[in-house]
Structure formats: C-alpha cells, structure tokens
Amino acid sequence: MGNYIVVEEFNEIQLEELHSLFKNEWWTQKRSLPEISKLIDNSSVVLGLINSKTGELIGFARVISDTLYRAFIFDVIAKEDYRNSGIGTMLMNRILEHPQVKDVERVELYCPDRLIPYYEKFGFSTDVNGSKLMRISNHIIR
C-alpha cells in the first residue's frame, strides 16, 4: 500500500474528514455527522484510506452484507486531489478481498453510466438477469 494506511475504525478527526469528503459528492453532500456515524456503525465493512505522510483521510468505501449471498458496495470516494492515482482501485481491491465480502455469492453496486467501464475492470457487469433497481423513498425531515 506504499504511502497509505487502511483503517476500519474512525476517530473523531477522521469522521470530520469523511464528512468533508461527503460534502463534495452529489449523492452524499447532505449527510450530517451524526448520520455518518450511524451509517458506519451499521455497515458490515468500512474502509478508510489514510495518507501516511499527512495523516489525512483520502478515500472511503463501505459495504452492507449478509456475508453469504449478497454484499452491496456503497460510497466509494477518493479525495479530489488524489483522483486518478489508484486510490479507488486500492479501495475496491481491499473490499473485494475482505473476509466479509470475498466469498459472497453476489457483490453489487450501482453507479452512474460514466463509471460502468471502471467497475467492469473489477468484473462487474450490467447483466443482472433482467433485474431492475426499485426504490421507495421515505421522506426524512432534516
């Protein structure tokens, strides 16, 4: 991992840095610090990537899994200054090799169309046997 350290537990400073990372992404920008703590507590796997020289959190990803049949990857994020440097690949490889994920029958994620070629490099496919994503939105008042 060279100049990077992988963490699976976050201290208060790293949680605040994660909050800052989330503020820069369209799908996570409205998450509050208490919500971030809760999602970490309720995820099967959380990985943070720390720059060992600066100590800053530069990447994050998480998984929800039953450890047998399904695992769903969420929130793969690399800090803007570190994009296109392999951070996402490091996170994805660590997730796919993680004991809570590596033997799961199906590992899934969703992403924008522009990232499909990126995730195909890891073996992901848009062929999901005719399944469609469905959603119900609970209206959360914040």
C-alpha atoms as a PDB file:
ATOM      1  CA  MET A   1       0.000   0.000   0.000  1.00  0.00           C
ATOM      2  CA  GLY A   2       3.047   2.257  -0.050  1.00  0.00           C
ATOM      3  CA  ASN A   3       2.247   5.636   1.470  1.00  0.00           C
ATOM      4  CA  TYR A   4      -1.241   4.662   2.582  1.00  0.00           C
ATOM      5  CA  ILE A   5      -2.782   3.077   5.656  1.00  0.00           C
ATOM      6  CA  VAL A   6      -6.145   1.298   5.592  1.00  0.00           C
ATOM      7  CA  VAL A   7      -8.361   1.787   8.640  1.00  0.00           C
ATOM      8  CA  GLU A   8     -11.620   0.086   9.547  1.00  0.00           C
ATOM      9  CA  GLU A   9     -12.366   2.247  12.577  1.00  0.00           C
ATOM     10  CA  PHE A  10     -12.574   6.026  12.546  1.00  0.00           C
ATOM     11  CA  ASN A  11     -11.579   8.553  15.188  1.00  0.00           C
ATOM     12  CA  GLU A  12     -13.372  11.908  15.557  1.00  0.00           C
ATOM     13  CA  ILE A  13     -10.967  13.730  13.221  1.00  0.00           C
ATOM     14  CA  GLN A  14     -11.371  11.070  10.525  1.00  0.00           C
ATOM     15  CA  LEU A  15     -15.170  11.269  10.869  1.00  0.00           C
ATOM     16  CA  GLU A  16     -14.985  15.019  10.286  1.00  0.00           C
ATOM     17  CA  GLU A  17     -12.717  14.451   7.279  1.00  0.00           C
ATOM     18  CA  LEU A  18     -15.202  11.887   5.954  1.00  0.00           C
ATOM     19  CA  HIS A  19     -17.967  14.450   6.414  1.00  0.00           C
ATOM     20  CA  SER A  20     -15.891  16.845   4.264  1.00  0.00           C
ATOM     21  CA  LEU A  21     -15.397  14.152   1.606  1.00  0.00           C
ATOM     22  CA  PHE A  22     -19.128  13.508   1.573  1.00  0.00           C
ATOM     23  CA  LYS A  23     -19.896  17.228   1.135  1.00  0.00           C
ATOM     24  CA  ASN A  24     -18.100  17.126  -2.225  1.00  0.00           C
ATOM     25  CA  GLU A  25     -20.199  14.348  -3.763  1.00  0.00           C
ATOM     26  CA  TRP A  26     -23.662  14.805  -5.229  1.00  0.00           C
ATOM     27  CA  TRP A  27     -25.100  11.696  -3.589  1.00  0.00           C
ATOM     28  CA  THR A  28     -23.675  12.260  -0.094  1.00  0.00           C
ATOM     29  CA  GLN A  29     -23.476  16.025   0.321  1.00  0.00           C
ATOM     30  CA  LYS A  30     -26.489  16.361   2.637  1.00  0.00           C
ATOM     31  CA  ARG A  31     -25.333  13.781   5.183  1.00  0.00           C
ATOM     32  CA  SER A  32     -24.789  15.086   8.691  1.00  0.00           C
ATOM     33  CA  LEU A  33     -22.024  13.989  11.049  1.00  0.00           C
ATOM     34  CA  PRO A  34     -24.452  12.012  13.283  1.00  0.00           C
ATOM     35  CA  GLU A  35     -25.850  10.255  10.189  1.00  0.00           C
ATOM     36  CA  ILE A  36     -22.338   9.382   9.037  1.00  0.00           C
ATOM     37  CA  SER A  37     -21.542   7.858  12.437  1.00  0.00           C
ATOM     38  CA  LYS A  38     -24.738   5.806  12.240  1.00  0.00           C
ATOM     39  CA  LEU A  39     -24.073   4.536   8.703  1.00  0.00           C
ATOM     40  CA  ILE A  40     -20.567   3.477   9.732  1.00  0.00           C
ATOM     41  CA  ASP A  41     -21.945   1.650  12.785  1.00  0.00           C
ATOM     42  CA  ASN A  42     -24.500  -0.172  10.622  1.00  0.00           C
ATOM     43  CA  SER A  43     -22.237  -1.142   7.710  1.00  0.00           C
ATOM     44  CA  SER A  44     -20.618  -4.572   7.512  1.00  0.00           C
ATOM     45  CA  VAL A  45     -17.308  -3.201   6.226  1.00  0.00           C
ATOM     46  CA  VAL A  46     -15.969   0.343   6.282  1.00  0.00           C
ATOM     47  CA  LEU A  47     -12.588   1.211   4.841  1.00  0.00           C
ATOM     48  CA  GLY A  48     -10.753   4.485   5.066  1.00  0.00           C
ATOM     49  CA  LEU A  49      -7.549   5.191   3.225  1.00  0.00           C
ATOM     50  CA  ILE A  50      -5.146   7.462   5.113  1.00  0.00           C
ATOM     51  CA  ASN A  51      -2.137   9.246   3.623  1.00  0.00           C
ATOM     52  CA  SER A  52       0.626   8.034   5.957  1.00  0.00           C
ATOM     53  CA  LYS A  53       2.679  11.217   5.461  1.00  0.00           C
ATOM     54  CA  THR A  54      -0.079  13.751   6.174  1.00  0.00           C
ATOM     55  CA  GLY A  55      -2.487  11.643   8.231  1.00  0.00           C
ATOM     56  CA  GLU A  56      -5.442  12.848   6.158  1.00  0.00           C
ATOM     57  CA  LEU A  57      -8.348  10.685   5.059  1.00  0.00           C
ATOM     58  CA  ILE A  58      -8.118  10.476   1.261  1.00  0.00           C
ATOM     59  CA  GLY A  59     -10.504   7.638   0.425  1.00  0.00           C
ATOM     60  CA  PHE A  60     -13.517   5.788   1.736  1.00  0.00           C
ATOM     61  CA  ALA A  61     -15.800   2.881   0.847  1.00  0.00           C
ATOM     62  CA  ARG A  62     -18.314   0.742   2.693  1.00  0.00           C
ATOM     63  CA  VAL A  63     -20.265  -2.496   2.295  1.00  0.00           C
ATOM     64  CA  ILE A  64     -23.523  -3.866   3.633  1.00  0.00           C
ATOM     65  CA  SER A  65     -23.577  -7.669   3.514  1.00  0.00           C
ATOM     66  CA  ASP A  66     -25.110 -10.838   4.868  1.00  0.00           C
ATOM     67  CA  THR A  67     -21.620 -12.380   4.272  1.00  0.00           C
ATOM     68  CA  LEU A  68     -23.110 -15.276   2.317  1.00  0.00           C
ATOM     69  CA  TYR A  69     -25.439 -14.356  -0.534  1.00  0.00           C
ATOM     70  CA  ARG A  70     -25.312 -10.596  -1.037  1.00  0.00           C
ATOM     71  CA  ALA A  71     -22.946  -7.711  -0.473  1.00  0.00           C
ATOM     72  CA  PHE A  72     -23.644  -4.194  -1.669  1.00  0.00           C
ATOM     73  CA  ILE A  73     -20.827  -1.664  -2.072  1.00  0.00           C
ATOM     74  CA  PHE A  74     -21.592   1.979  -1.291  1.00  0.00           C
ATOM     75  CA  ASP A  75     -19.844   5.346  -1.232  1.00  0.00           C
ATOM     76  CA  VAL A  76     -16.548   4.625  -2.984  1.00  0.00           C
ATOM     77  CA  ILE A  77     -14.907   8.053  -2.774  1.00  0.00           C
ATOM     78  CA  ALA A  78     -11.415   9.375  -3.432  1.00  0.00           C
ATOM     79  CA  LYS A  79     -10.479  12.882  -2.325  1.00  0.00           C
ATOM     80  CA  GLU A  80     -10.398  15.149  -5.363  1.00  0.00           C
ATOM     81  CA  ASP A  81      -6.628  15.836  -5.180  1.00  0.00           C
ATOM     82  CA  TYR A  82      -5.947  12.086  -5.242  1.00  0.00           C
ATOM     83  CA  ARG A  83      -8.248  11.019  -8.071  1.00  0.00           C
ATOM     84  CA  ASN A  84      -6.738   9.103 -10.978  1.00  0.00           C
ATOM     85  CA  SER A  85      -3.883   7.949  -8.744  1.00  0.00           C
ATOM     86  CA  GLY A  86      -5.177   4.448  -7.960  1.00  0.00           C
ATOM     87  CA  ILE A  87      -6.968   5.263  -4.699  1.00  0.00           C
ATOM     88  CA  GLY A  88     -10.313   3.889  -5.913  1.00  0.00           C
ATOM     89  CA  THR A  89      -8.631   0.749  -7.208  1.00  0.00           C
ATOM     90  CA  MET A  90      -6.922   0.210  -3.844  1.00  0.00           C
ATOM     91  CA  LEU A  91     -10.247   0.582  -2.049  1.00  0.00           C
ATOM     92  CA  MET A  92     -12.097  -1.717  -4.438  1.00  0.00           C
ATOM     93  CA  ASN A  93      -9.409  -4.406  -4.244  1.00  0.00           C
ATOM     94  CA  ARG A  94      -9.411  -4.270  -0.435  1.00  0.00           C
ATOM     95  CA  ILE A  95     -13.210  -4.519  -0.373  1.00  0.00           C
ATOM     96  CA  LEU A  96     -13.352  -7.451  -2.781  1.00  0.00           C
ATOM     97  CA  GLU A  97     -10.634  -9.277  -0.788  1.00  0.00           C
ATOM     98  CA  HIS A  98     -12.184  -8.508   2.611  1.00  0.00           C
ATOM     99  CA  PRO A  99     -13.229 -11.599   4.641  1.00  0.00           C
ATOM    100  CA  GLN A 100     -16.796 -10.236   4.908  1.00  0.00           C
ATOM    101  CA  VAL A 101     -17.062  -9.964   1.097  1.00  0.00           C
ATOM    102  CA  LYS A 102     -14.676 -12.301  -0.735  1.00  0.00           C
ATOM    103  CA  ASP A 103     -16.863 -15.422  -0.549  1.00  0.00           C
ATOM    104  CA  VAL A 104     -20.254 -13.743  -1.006  1.00  0.00           C
ATOM    105  CA  GLU A 105     -22.265 -15.152  -3.916  1.00  0.00           C
ATOM    106  CA  ARG A 106     -23.103 -11.755  -5.470  1.00  0.00           C
ATOM    107  CA  VAL A 107     -21.410  -8.425  -4.866  1.00  0.00           C
ATOM    108  CA  GLU A 108     -23.354  -5.496  -6.248  1.00  0.00           C
ATOM    109  CA  LEU A 109     -23.184  -1.747  -6.599  1.00  0.00           C
ATOM    110  CA  TYR A 110     -24.820   0.971  -8.564  1.00  0.00           C
ATOM    111  CA  CYS A 111     -23.055   3.769 -10.337  1.00  0.00           C
ATOM    112  CA  PRO A 112     -23.595   6.410 -12.997  1.00  0.00           C
ATOM    113  CA  ASP A 113     -23.235   5.266 -16.605  1.00  0.00           C
ATOM    114  CA  ARG A 114     -19.879   7.056 -16.940  1.00  0.00           C
ATOM    115  CA  LEU A 115     -18.347   4.714 -14.318  1.00  0.00           C
ATOM    116  CA  ILE A 116     -19.544   1.430 -15.816  1.00  0.00           C
ATOM    117  CA  PRO A 117     -16.231   0.868 -17.706  1.00  0.00           C
ATOM    118  CA  TYR A 118     -14.295   1.498 -14.487  1.00  0.00           C
ATOM    119  CA  TYR A 119     -16.240  -1.107 -12.485  1.00  0.00           C
ATOM    120  CA  GLU A 120     -16.175  -3.594 -15.362  1.00  0.00           C
ATOM    121  CA  LYS A 121     -12.396  -3.804 -14.774  1.00  0.00           C
ATOM    122  CA  PHE A 122     -13.201  -5.490 -11.455  1.00  0.00           C
ATOM    123  CA  GLY A 123     -15.590  -7.964 -13.095  1.00  0.00           C
ATOM    124  CA  PHE A 124     -18.867  -6.114 -12.514  1.00  0.00           C
ATOM    125  CA  SER A 125     -21.472  -6.372 -15.256  1.00  0.00           C
ATOM    126  CA  THR A 126     -24.708  -4.624 -16.138  1.00  0.00           C
ATOM    127  CA  ASP A 127     -26.164  -8.064 -16.970  1.00  0.00           C
ATOM    128  CA  VAL A 128     -28.221  -8.701 -13.854  1.00  0.00           C
ATOM    129  CA  ASN A 129     -30.567 -11.328 -15.272  1.00  0.00           C
ATOM    130  CA  GLY A 130     -33.281  -8.838 -16.113  1.00  0.00           C
ATOM    131  CA  SER A 131     -33.448  -7.399 -12.610  1.00  0.00           C
ATOM    132  CA  LYS A 132     -34.270  -3.739 -12.214  1.00  0.00           C
ATOM    133  CA  LEU A 133     -33.438  -1.393  -9.383  1.00  0.00           C
ATOM    134  CA  MET A 134     -36.561  -0.410  -7.497  1.00  0.00           C
ATOM    135  CA  ARG A 135     -36.859   2.121  -4.713  1.00  0.00           C
ATOM    136  CA  ILE A 136     -39.246   3.571  -2.208  1.00  0.00           C
ATOM    137  CA  SER A 137     -38.232   6.877  -0.658  1.00  0.00           C
ATOM    138  CA  ASN A 138     -39.116   7.650   2.911  1.00  0.00           C
ATOM    139  CA  HIS A 139     -39.449  11.381   3.338  1.00  0.00           C
ATOM    140  CA  ILE A 140     -36.962  12.178   6.047  1.00  0.00           C
ATOM    141  CA  ILE A 141     -37.309  15.604   7.594  1.00  0.00           C
ATOM    142  CA  ARG A 142     -33.933  17.134   8.381  1.00  0.00           C
END
